[in-house]
Protein backbone atom coordinates (compact mmCIF):
# COMPACT_ATOMS: atom_id res chain seq x y z
CA PRO A 1 -61.87 181.44 29.38
CA GLN A 2 -58.24 182.28 28.57
CA ALA A 3 -58.98 182.97 24.89
CA LYS A 4 -62.13 184.97 25.69
CA SER A 5 -60.35 187.18 28.21
CA GLN A 6 -57.73 188.02 25.57
CA GLY A 7 -60.19 188.49 22.70
CA ILE A 8 -58.89 185.47 20.78
CA GLN A 9 -61.08 183.79 18.17
CA GLY A 10 -60.45 181.69 15.07
CA SER A 11 -60.70 178.26 13.49
CA VAL A 12 -59.11 175.06 14.68
CA ILE A 13 -58.58 172.66 11.76
CA LEU A 14 -58.81 168.95 12.57
CA GLU A 15 -58.38 165.76 10.57
CA ILE A 16 -60.94 163.21 11.72
CA LEU A 17 -61.28 159.48 11.04
CA ILE A 18 -64.97 158.50 11.17
CA ASP A 19 -65.82 154.79 11.21
CA GLU A 20 -68.65 152.91 9.49
CA ALA A 21 -70.97 153.62 12.42
CA GLY A 22 -70.36 157.38 12.35
CA LYS A 23 -68.15 157.38 15.47
CA VAL A 24 -64.98 159.46 15.69
CA ARG A 25 -62.06 157.02 15.91
CA SER A 26 -59.08 159.41 15.73
CA VAL A 27 -58.42 163.13 15.60
CA ARG A 28 -55.32 165.01 14.54
CA LEU A 29 -54.74 168.73 14.95
CA ILE A 30 -53.81 170.32 11.60
CA LYS A 31 -53.89 174.03 12.55
CA GLY A 32 -54.50 175.45 15.97
CA VAL A 33 -55.26 178.81 17.54
CA GLY A 34 -53.84 178.16 21.02
CA PHE A 35 -55.11 179.73 24.26
CA GLY A 36 -57.01 176.54 25.17
CA LEU A 37 -59.12 176.52 22.00
CA ASP A 38 -57.21 173.61 20.41
CA GLU A 39 -57.85 171.42 23.45
CA ALA A 40 -61.52 172.46 23.59
CA ALA A 41 -62.01 171.56 19.90
CA LEU A 42 -60.27 168.19 20.31
CA GLU A 43 -62.36 167.31 23.35
CA ALA A 44 -65.62 168.38 21.69
CA ILE A 45 -65.03 166.56 18.38
CA ARG A 46 -64.37 163.26 20.15
CA ASN A 47 -68.00 163.34 21.31
CA PHE A 48 -69.49 164.04 17.87
CA GLU A 49 -71.48 161.43 15.95
CA PHE A 50 -71.69 161.70 12.18
CA GLU A 51 -73.94 160.20 9.55
CA PRO A 52 -71.82 157.35 8.15
CA ALA A 53 -70.35 157.86 4.70
CA GLN A 54 -71.85 155.65 1.99
CA MET A 55 -70.20 153.98 -0.98
CA GLU A 56 -72.36 151.77 -3.20
CA ASN A 57 -75.06 151.70 -0.47
CA LYS A 58 -72.58 150.45 2.13
CA ALA A 59 -71.35 152.40 5.18
CA VAL A 60 -67.61 153.06 5.01
CA ALA A 61 -64.96 154.74 7.14
CA VAL A 62 -63.80 158.14 5.95
CA LYS A 63 -61.17 160.71 6.84
CA ILE A 64 -62.24 164.37 6.67
CA ARG A 65 -60.96 167.80 7.60
CA TYR A 66 -63.18 169.77 9.93
CA ALA A 67 -62.99 173.43 10.94
CA TYR A 68 -64.17 174.15 14.47
CA LYS A 69 -64.83 177.92 14.59
CA PHE A 70 -64.63 179.94 17.77
CA VAL A 71 -66.32 183.35 17.50
CA LEU A 72 -66.67 185.93 20.25
CA ASP A 73 -70.10 187.44 20.83
């Protein structure tokens, strides 16, 4: 609500560790926007489930960067 009322939008960049089951195990903020959007992105990404990464037909943990984009209508 704070960002929307001030017309703030942008991308929050996160570094995410995803385990062999596709669950988010840790999240680190790389670049934020502020105005409550960083916290919203961190909270949302912790509830994501991903398709596990594969290496030689075996599920493996992986660390990725993810951009969570906030766009005003």
